Amino acid sequence: MKEKKKKRSPKAYYYPNGVKTEFQYTGPKDPNRLTKAGMWLKEHPEGIVTEILDMRAVMK
């Protein structure tokens, strides 16, 4: 049976004095960050409020 590959985060490198060195991110990770869609949904919890004028168009 094949082993599943682990998902790895992308690596970033920098070159101090011509030596390739992996960049280690040690800053805080924000668990509350949202995508643009998530921010919009947070601001508009009811979604888009519209009035249906022609139900036949919706049912097609």
N, C-alpha and C. Protein backbone atom coordinates (compact mmCIF):
# COMPACT_ATOMS: atom_id res chain seq x y z
N MET A 1 0.83 -1.18 0.00
CA MET A 1 0.00 0.00 0.00
C MET A 1 0.88 1.25 0.00
N LYS A 2 0.50 2.23 -0.81
CA LYS A 2 1.29 3.45 -0.92
C LYS A 2 1.05 4.37 0.26
N GLU A 3 2.11 5.00 0.71
CA GLU A 3 1.96 5.96 1.80
C GLU A 3 1.53 7.29 1.23
N LYS A 4 0.67 7.99 1.97
CA LYS A 4 0.24 9.32 1.53
C LYS A 4 1.36 10.32 1.79
N LYS A 5 1.52 11.24 0.85
CA LYS A 5 2.52 12.28 1.04
C LYS A 5 1.96 13.34 1.97
N LYS A 6 2.82 13.84 2.84
CA LYS A 6 2.42 14.90 3.75
C LYS A 6 2.39 16.22 2.98
N LYS A 7 1.39 17.04 3.26
CA LYS A 7 1.34 18.36 2.65
C LYS A 7 2.34 19.25 3.37
N ARG A 8 3.19 19.87 2.59
CA ARG A 8 4.20 20.74 3.16
C ARG A 8 3.94 22.17 2.74
N SER A 9 4.29 23.07 3.60
CA SER A 9 4.15 24.48 3.26
C SER A 9 5.27 24.85 2.28
N PRO A 10 5.02 25.84 1.43
CA PRO A 10 6.08 26.25 0.49
C PRO A 10 7.28 26.84 1.23
N LYS A 11 8.45 26.58 0.71
CA LYS A 11 9.66 27.06 1.35
C LYS A 11 10.14 28.32 0.67
N ALA A 12 10.73 29.19 1.43
CA ALA A 12 11.30 30.42 0.91
C ALA A 12 12.79 30.45 1.26
N TYR A 13 13.59 30.95 0.36
CA TYR A 13 15.04 30.98 0.57
C TYR A 13 15.55 32.41 0.42
N TYR A 14 16.62 32.73 1.11
CA TYR A 14 17.32 33.99 0.90
C TYR A 14 18.81 33.67 0.85
N TYR A 15 19.57 34.60 0.30
CA TYR A 15 20.98 34.35 0.01
C TYR A 15 21.88 35.38 0.70
N PRO A 16 22.14 35.23 2.01
CA PRO A 16 23.10 36.13 2.63
C PRO A 16 24.53 35.71 2.27
N ASN A 17 25.31 36.63 1.74
CA ASN A 17 26.70 36.38 1.34
C ASN A 17 26.82 35.24 0.33
N GLY A 18 25.80 35.05 -0.50
CA GLY A 18 25.85 34.04 -1.55
C GLY A 18 25.56 32.62 -1.07
N VAL A 19 25.12 32.44 0.17
CA VAL A 19 24.82 31.11 0.71
C VAL A 19 23.30 30.95 0.77
N LYS A 20 22.82 29.87 0.16
CA LYS A 20 21.38 29.62 0.15
C LYS A 20 20.92 29.18 1.54
N THR A 21 19.98 29.96 2.13
CA THR A 21 19.49 29.67 3.47
C THR A 21 17.97 29.68 3.46
N GLU A 22 17.37 28.67 4.11
CA GLU A 22 15.91 28.61 4.16
C GLU A 22 15.39 29.63 5.16
N PHE A 23 14.35 30.37 4.75
CA PHE A 23 13.75 31.38 5.61
C PHE A 23 12.74 30.69 6.53
N GLN A 24 12.91 30.87 7.84
CA GLN A 24 11.99 30.29 8.82
C GLN A 24 11.08 31.40 9.34
N TYR A 25 9.79 31.27 9.08
CA TYR A 25 8.84 32.27 9.58
C TYR A 25 8.51 31.94 11.02
N THR A 26 8.79 32.88 11.92
CA THR A 26 8.55 32.64 13.34
C THR A 26 7.52 33.60 13.91
N GLY A 27 6.91 34.41 13.06
CA GLY A 27 5.93 35.38 13.55
C GLY A 27 4.63 34.71 13.95
N PRO A 28 3.77 35.48 14.62
CA PRO A 28 2.50 34.90 15.07
C PRO A 28 1.56 34.65 13.89
N LYS A 29 0.82 33.55 13.97
CA LYS A 29 -0.17 33.25 12.95
C LYS A 29 -1.52 33.74 13.45
N ASP A 30 -2.22 34.49 12.63
CA ASP A 30 -3.49 35.07 13.04
C ASP A 30 -4.62 34.10 12.74
N PRO A 31 -5.25 33.50 13.75
CA PRO A 31 -6.33 32.56 13.49
C PRO A 31 -7.62 33.24 13.06
N ASN A 32 -7.69 34.55 13.22
CA ASN A 32 -8.92 35.28 12.89
C ASN A 32 -8.91 35.87 11.49
N ARG A 33 -7.88 35.58 10.69
CA ARG A 33 -7.83 36.18 9.36
C ARG A 33 -8.89 35.51 8.48
N LEU A 34 -9.51 36.31 7.64
CA LEU A 34 -10.58 35.84 6.78
C LEU A 34 -10.27 36.18 5.33
N THR A 35 -10.87 35.44 4.42
CA THR A 35 -10.77 35.78 3.02
C THR A 35 -11.68 36.97 2.77
N LYS A 36 -11.61 37.54 1.56
CA LYS A 36 -12.48 38.67 1.24
C LYS A 36 -13.94 38.25 1.30
N ALA A 37 -14.23 37.02 0.85
CA ALA A 37 -15.61 36.52 0.92
C ALA A 37 -16.04 36.36 2.38
N GLY A 38 -15.15 35.89 3.23
CA GLY A 38 -15.47 35.75 4.65
C GLY A 38 -15.71 37.08 5.32
N MET A 39 -14.91 38.12 4.96
CA MET A 39 -15.14 39.45 5.52
C MET A 39 -16.49 40.00 5.08
N TRP A 40 -16.85 39.77 3.81
CA TRP A 40 -18.14 40.25 3.30
C TRP A 40 -19.28 39.55 4.03
N LEU A 41 -19.16 38.24 4.24
CA LEU A 41 -20.21 37.51 4.94
C LEU A 41 -20.32 37.95 6.40
N LYS A 42 -19.21 38.34 7.00
CA LYS A 42 -19.24 38.82 8.38
C LYS A 42 -19.98 40.14 8.46
N GLU A 43 -19.80 41.01 7.45
CA GLU A 43 -20.47 42.30 7.43
C GLU A 43 -21.93 42.19 7.00
N HIS A 44 -22.26 41.17 6.20
CA HIS A 44 -23.62 41.00 5.68
C HIS A 44 -24.12 39.60 6.03
N PRO A 45 -24.51 39.36 7.29
CA PRO A 45 -24.91 38.00 7.69
C PRO A 45 -26.18 37.50 7.00
N GLU A 46 -27.04 38.41 6.53
CA GLU A 46 -28.26 37.98 5.84
C GLU A 46 -28.02 37.71 4.37
N GLY A 47 -26.85 38.04 3.87
CA GLY A 47 -26.57 37.89 2.45
C GLY A 47 -27.16 39.06 1.67
N ILE A 48 -27.40 38.86 0.40
CA ILE A 48 -27.99 39.90 -0.43
C ILE A 48 -29.50 39.80 -0.31
N VAL A 49 -30.13 40.87 0.17
CA VAL A 49 -31.58 40.88 0.33
C VAL A 49 -32.18 41.42 -0.96
N THR A 50 -32.96 40.58 -1.62
CA THR A 50 -33.59 41.00 -2.88
C THR A 50 -35.06 40.63 -2.85
N GLU A 51 -35.81 41.26 -3.72
CA GLU A 51 -37.23 40.96 -3.86
C GLU A 51 -37.42 40.28 -5.21
N ILE A 52 -38.07 39.13 -5.22
CA ILE A 52 -38.31 38.39 -6.44
C ILE A 52 -39.56 38.95 -7.12
N LEU A 53 -39.37 39.48 -8.33
CA LEU A 53 -40.49 40.06 -9.06
C LEU A 53 -41.15 39.06 -9.98
N ASP A 54 -40.39 38.15 -10.57
CA ASP A 54 -40.94 37.18 -11.51
C ASP A 54 -40.48 35.79 -11.11
N MET A 55 -41.35 35.03 -10.48
CA MET A 55 -41.00 33.71 -9.99
C MET A 55 -40.74 32.73 -11.13
N ARG A 56 -41.36 32.93 -12.28
CA ARG A 56 -41.16 32.02 -13.42
C ARG A 56 -39.70 32.06 -13.89
N ALA A 57 -39.07 33.21 -13.81
CA ALA A 57 -37.66 33.33 -14.21
C ALA A 57 -36.77 32.54 -13.25
N VAL A 58 -37.15 32.50 -11.98
CA VAL A 58 -36.36 31.78 -10.99
C VAL A 58 -36.50 30.28 -11.18
N MET A 59 -37.69 29.82 -11.55
CA MET A 59 -37.97 28.39 -11.65
C MET A 59 -37.40 27.74 -12.90
N LYS A 60 -36.92 28.51 -13.88
CA LYS A 60 -36.37 27.93 -15.12
C LYS A 60 -35.10 27.20 -14.88
